[in-house]
N, C-alpha and C. Protein backbone atom coordinates (compact mmCIF):
# COMPACT_ATOMS: atom_id res chain seq x y z
N MET A 1 154.36 341.88 36.76
CA MET A 1 155.16 342.34 37.87
C MET A 1 154.26 342.57 39.07
N ARG A 2 154.70 342.08 40.24
CA ARG A 2 153.93 342.27 41.46
C ARG A 2 154.30 343.59 42.12
N VAL A 3 153.33 344.17 42.74
CA VAL A 3 153.56 345.45 43.43
C VAL A 3 153.75 345.16 44.91
N ARG A 4 154.78 345.72 45.47
CA ARG A 4 155.03 345.53 46.90
C ARG A 4 154.14 346.49 47.67
N ARG A 5 153.42 345.92 48.62
CA ARG A 5 152.53 346.73 49.46
C ARG A 5 153.28 347.20 50.70
N ALA A 6 152.85 348.30 51.23
CA ALA A 6 153.46 348.84 52.45
C ALA A 6 153.22 347.88 53.60
N GLY A 7 154.29 347.47 54.28
CA GLY A 7 154.17 346.61 55.45
C GLY A 7 154.12 345.14 55.12
N GLY A 8 154.10 344.75 53.89
CA GLY A 8 154.04 343.33 53.55
C GLY A 8 154.95 343.02 52.39
N GLN A 9 154.96 341.76 51.99
CA GLN A 9 155.78 341.36 50.85
C GLN A 9 154.91 341.40 49.60
N ALA A 10 155.53 341.16 48.48
CA ALA A 10 154.82 341.21 47.21
C ALA A 10 153.71 340.17 47.19
N GLY A 11 152.52 340.61 46.91
CA GLY A 11 151.39 339.70 46.74
C GLY A 11 150.71 339.25 48.02
N ARG A 12 151.23 339.59 49.18
CA ARG A 12 150.59 339.20 50.44
C ARG A 12 150.18 340.44 51.20
N PRO A 13 149.01 340.44 51.73
CA PRO A 13 148.58 341.62 52.49
C PRO A 13 149.35 341.75 53.80
N ALA A 14 149.48 342.97 54.27
CA ALA A 14 150.20 343.23 55.51
C ALA A 14 149.53 342.59 56.70
N ASP A 15 148.20 342.43 56.66
CA ASP A 15 147.48 341.83 57.79
C ASP A 15 147.88 340.38 58.02
N ALA A 16 148.28 339.66 57.00
CA ALA A 16 148.69 338.27 57.17
C ALA A 16 149.92 338.18 58.05
N PHE A 17 150.85 339.11 57.91
CA PHE A 17 152.05 339.10 58.73
C PHE A 17 151.75 339.55 60.15
N LEU A 18 150.89 340.52 60.30
CA LEU A 18 150.55 341.02 61.64
C LEU A 18 149.83 339.96 62.46
N SER A 19 148.92 339.24 61.85
CA SER A 19 148.18 338.23 62.61
C SER A 19 149.11 337.08 63.01
N ARG A 20 150.07 336.73 62.17
CA ARG A 20 151.01 335.68 62.51
C ARG A 20 151.90 336.14 63.68
N ASP A 21 152.34 337.38 63.66
CA ASP A 21 153.18 337.89 64.75
C ASP A 21 152.40 337.99 66.05
N ARG A 22 151.16 338.39 65.97
CA ARG A 22 150.36 338.49 67.20
C ARG A 22 150.12 337.13 67.82
N ALA A 23 149.94 336.12 66.99
CA ALA A 23 149.68 334.78 67.51
C ALA A 23 150.93 334.21 68.19
N ALA A 24 152.10 334.59 67.74
CA ALA A 24 153.33 334.04 68.28
C ALA A 24 153.72 334.70 69.60
N ALA A 25 153.24 335.89 69.88
CA ALA A 25 153.61 336.60 71.10
C ALA A 25 152.93 335.95 72.31
N PRO A 26 153.68 335.67 73.38
CA PRO A 26 153.07 335.07 74.57
C PRO A 26 152.22 336.09 75.32
N GLU A 27 151.25 335.59 76.01
CA GLU A 27 150.39 336.44 76.82
C GLU A 27 151.18 336.91 78.04
N PRO A 28 151.07 338.18 78.39
CA PRO A 28 151.78 338.64 79.59
C PRO A 28 151.15 338.04 80.84
N GLY A 29 152.01 337.55 81.72
CA GLY A 29 151.54 336.94 82.96
C GLY A 29 151.56 337.94 84.09
N PRO A 30 151.23 337.48 85.27
CA PRO A 30 151.28 338.38 86.43
C PRO A 30 152.71 338.74 86.75
N PRO A 31 152.94 339.91 87.33
CA PRO A 31 154.31 340.29 87.68
C PRO A 31 154.87 339.33 88.72
N THR A 32 156.15 339.04 88.59
CA THR A 32 156.79 338.11 89.51
C THR A 32 157.71 338.88 90.45
N CYS A 33 157.92 338.33 91.61
CA CYS A 33 158.81 338.93 92.59
C CYS A 33 160.25 338.55 92.24
N PRO A 34 161.23 339.40 92.58
CA PRO A 34 162.62 339.02 92.32
C PRO A 34 163.01 337.86 93.21
N PRO A 35 163.97 337.03 92.78
CA PRO A 35 164.43 335.93 93.64
C PRO A 35 164.96 336.46 94.96
N ALA A 36 164.92 335.62 95.96
CA ALA A 36 165.31 336.05 97.31
C ALA A 36 166.78 336.37 97.42
N HIS A 37 167.64 335.82 96.56
CA HIS A 37 169.07 336.06 96.67
C HIS A 37 169.50 337.37 96.03
N LEU A 38 168.62 338.05 95.31
CA LEU A 38 168.98 339.33 94.69
C LEU A 38 168.81 340.47 95.69
N PRO A 39 169.74 341.41 95.71
CA PRO A 39 169.62 342.53 96.65
C PRO A 39 168.49 343.47 96.25
N VAL A 40 167.80 343.99 97.23
CA VAL A 40 166.69 344.91 96.99
C VAL A 40 167.05 346.25 97.60
N GLY A 41 166.86 347.32 96.87
CA GLY A 41 167.16 348.65 97.37
C GLY A 41 168.53 349.11 96.93
N PRO A 42 168.71 350.42 96.86
CA PRO A 42 169.99 350.95 96.37
C PRO A 42 171.18 350.61 97.26
N SER A 43 171.02 350.65 98.57
CA SER A 43 172.16 350.37 99.45
C SER A 43 172.56 348.90 99.37
N ALA A 44 171.59 347.99 99.26
CA ALA A 44 171.90 346.57 99.13
C ALA A 44 172.57 346.28 97.79
N ARG A 45 172.12 346.96 96.75
CA ARG A 45 172.73 346.78 95.43
C ARG A 45 174.17 347.30 95.42
N LEU A 46 174.40 348.42 96.09
CA LEU A 46 175.75 348.97 96.17
C LEU A 46 176.66 348.02 96.95
N ALA A 47 176.17 347.48 98.05
CA ALA A 47 176.96 346.53 98.84
C ALA A 47 177.28 345.28 98.02
N ALA A 48 176.31 344.79 97.25
CA ALA A 48 176.55 343.61 96.42
C ALA A 48 177.55 343.92 95.31
N ALA A 49 177.48 345.11 94.74
CA ALA A 49 178.44 345.49 93.69
C ALA A 49 179.84 345.62 94.26
N LEU A 50 179.97 346.21 95.44
CA LEU A 50 181.29 346.34 96.07
C LEU A 50 181.86 344.97 96.42
N ALA A 51 181.02 344.06 96.90
CA ALA A 51 181.48 342.71 97.22
C ALA A 51 181.96 342.00 95.95
N ALA A 52 181.26 342.20 94.83
CA ALA A 52 181.68 341.59 93.57
C ALA A 52 183.02 342.15 93.10
N VAL A 53 183.22 343.45 93.24
CA VAL A 53 184.49 344.06 92.85
C VAL A 53 185.62 343.54 93.74
N ARG A 54 185.36 343.41 95.03
CA ARG A 54 186.38 342.90 95.94
C ARG A 54 186.77 341.46 95.58
N ARG A 55 185.77 340.66 95.22
CA ARG A 55 186.07 339.28 94.81
C ARG A 55 186.92 339.26 93.55
N LEU A 56 186.62 340.15 92.60
CA LEU A 56 187.41 340.21 91.38
C LEU A 56 188.85 340.63 91.64
N LEU A 57 189.04 341.49 92.62
CA LEU A 57 190.39 341.96 92.96
C LEU A 57 191.13 341.02 93.89
N GLY A 58 190.46 339.97 94.36
CA GLY A 58 191.11 339.01 95.24
C GLY A 58 191.05 339.36 96.70
N MET A 59 190.23 340.34 97.07
CA MET A 59 190.12 340.72 98.47
C MET A 59 189.12 339.80 99.16
N PRO A 60 189.34 339.48 100.42
CA PRO A 60 188.44 338.58 101.13
C PRO A 60 187.13 339.28 101.51
N ASP A 61 186.09 338.48 101.67
CA ASP A 61 184.77 338.99 102.05
C ASP A 61 184.39 338.34 103.38
N TYR A 62 184.49 339.10 104.45
CA TYR A 62 184.25 338.57 105.78
C TYR A 62 182.81 338.10 105.95
N ALA A 63 181.84 338.87 105.45
CA ALA A 63 180.44 338.49 105.60
C ALA A 63 180.13 337.18 104.88
N ALA A 64 180.69 337.00 103.68
CA ALA A 64 180.48 335.75 102.95
C ALA A 64 181.15 334.59 103.68
N HIS A 65 182.31 334.85 104.28
CA HIS A 65 183.01 333.80 105.04
C HIS A 65 182.18 333.39 106.26
N LEU A 66 181.59 334.36 106.95
CA LEU A 66 180.74 334.02 108.10
C LEU A 66 179.53 333.21 107.67
N ALA A 67 178.91 333.59 106.55
CA ALA A 67 177.75 332.83 106.05
C ALA A 67 178.16 331.41 105.70
N HIS A 68 179.34 331.25 105.09
CA HIS A 68 179.83 329.91 104.75
C HIS A 68 180.10 329.09 106.02
N LEU A 69 180.74 329.70 107.02
CA LEU A 69 181.02 328.98 108.26
C LEU A 69 179.73 328.53 108.95
N ARG A 70 178.76 329.40 109.00
CA ARG A 70 177.50 329.05 109.66
C ARG A 70 176.75 327.96 108.91
N ALA A 71 176.83 327.97 107.59
CA ALA A 71 176.09 326.98 106.79
C ALA A 71 176.80 325.63 106.74
N HIS A 72 178.13 325.63 106.62
CA HIS A 72 178.84 324.38 106.36
C HIS A 72 179.70 323.89 107.53
N HIS A 73 180.08 324.75 108.44
CA HIS A 73 180.94 324.38 109.56
C HIS A 73 180.41 324.99 110.85
N PRO A 74 179.22 324.59 111.29
CA PRO A 74 178.64 325.24 112.48
C PRO A 74 179.42 324.96 113.76
N ASP A 75 180.24 323.90 113.80
CA ASP A 75 180.97 323.58 115.02
C ASP A 75 182.32 324.28 115.11
N CYS A 76 182.78 324.92 114.04
CA CYS A 76 184.07 325.64 114.05
C CYS A 76 183.91 326.99 114.74
N PRO A 77 184.98 327.44 115.42
CA PRO A 77 184.91 328.76 116.04
C PRO A 77 184.91 329.86 114.97
N VAL A 78 184.18 330.93 115.25
CA VAL A 78 184.08 332.04 114.30
C VAL A 78 185.18 333.05 114.61
N PRO A 79 186.05 333.33 113.65
CA PRO A 79 187.13 334.29 113.91
C PRO A 79 186.60 335.72 113.89
N THR A 80 187.30 336.59 114.59
CA THR A 80 186.95 338.00 114.50
C THR A 80 187.37 338.51 113.12
N GLU A 81 186.93 339.70 112.79
CA GLU A 81 187.27 340.25 111.48
C GLU A 81 188.78 340.45 111.35
N ARG A 82 189.40 340.87 112.42
CA ARG A 82 190.85 341.08 112.43
C ARG A 82 191.59 339.75 112.22
N GLU A 83 191.16 338.70 112.93
CA GLU A 83 191.77 337.39 112.76
C GLU A 83 191.57 336.86 111.34
N PHE A 84 190.41 337.11 110.77
CA PHE A 84 190.12 336.66 109.41
C PHE A 84 191.07 337.31 108.41
N TYR A 85 191.26 338.62 108.50
CA TYR A 85 192.16 339.31 107.58
C TYR A 85 193.62 338.92 107.80
N ASP A 86 194.03 338.72 109.07
CA ASP A 86 195.39 338.26 109.34
C ASP A 86 195.64 336.89 108.73
N GLN A 87 194.67 335.99 108.87
CA GLN A 87 194.79 334.65 108.27
C GLN A 87 194.85 334.75 106.75
N TYR A 88 194.06 335.63 106.17
CA TYR A 88 194.07 335.83 104.72
C TYR A 88 195.44 336.30 104.24
N LEU A 89 196.02 337.28 104.95
CA LEU A 89 197.33 337.80 104.56
C LEU A 89 198.43 336.75 104.71
N ARG A 90 198.39 335.96 105.79
CA ARG A 90 199.38 334.89 105.97
C ARG A 90 199.25 333.84 104.87
N THR A 91 198.02 333.50 104.51
CA THR A 91 197.81 332.51 103.47
C THR A 91 198.24 333.03 102.11
N ARG A 92 197.98 334.28 101.84
CA ARG A 92 198.31 334.83 100.52
C ARG A 92 199.79 335.14 100.36
N TYR A 93 200.40 335.71 101.36
CA TYR A 93 201.78 336.17 101.21
C TYR A 93 202.80 335.34 101.99
N GLY A 94 202.37 334.42 102.80
CA GLY A 94 203.31 333.61 103.57
C GLY A 94 203.87 334.38 104.74
N ASP A 95 205.05 333.95 105.19
CA ASP A 95 205.65 334.56 106.36
C ASP A 95 206.52 335.77 106.05
N GLY A 96 207.00 335.88 104.83
CA GLY A 96 207.92 336.97 104.54
C GLY A 96 207.64 337.60 103.19
N ALA A 97 208.64 338.32 102.72
CA ALA A 97 208.51 339.01 101.44
C ALA A 97 208.47 338.00 100.29
N THR A 98 207.80 338.36 99.23
CA THR A 98 207.67 337.46 98.08
C THR A 98 208.62 337.86 96.96
N ARG A 99 209.48 338.83 97.20
CA ARG A 99 210.42 339.25 96.17
C ARG A 99 211.62 338.31 96.13
N CYS A 100 212.29 338.32 95.01
CA CYS A 100 213.48 337.49 94.89
C CYS A 100 214.75 338.25 95.27
N CYS A 101 214.75 339.57 95.21
CA CYS A 101 215.96 340.37 95.45
C CYS A 101 215.84 341.23 96.69
């Protein structure tokens, strides 16, 4: 009968497993900077979280719309925030009530 050693399996020393695990672990590299698109700082993180919640709820994001217009449609006129929300409401709800009764 083989005796189980602490930290290893029957018949194998614990050092054999430790050396195998150490060899498999990658060497730690230099610290990396966060990607440029990630928000930095508590206020930026809060703003990004609020924007994500608004998107989930279906609310429009004026700042994202402006960034899209500047990147993809530079020749189009930029609406004011009020015009943007009015256009959003007209597009979402149409001209009148959405009820049947």
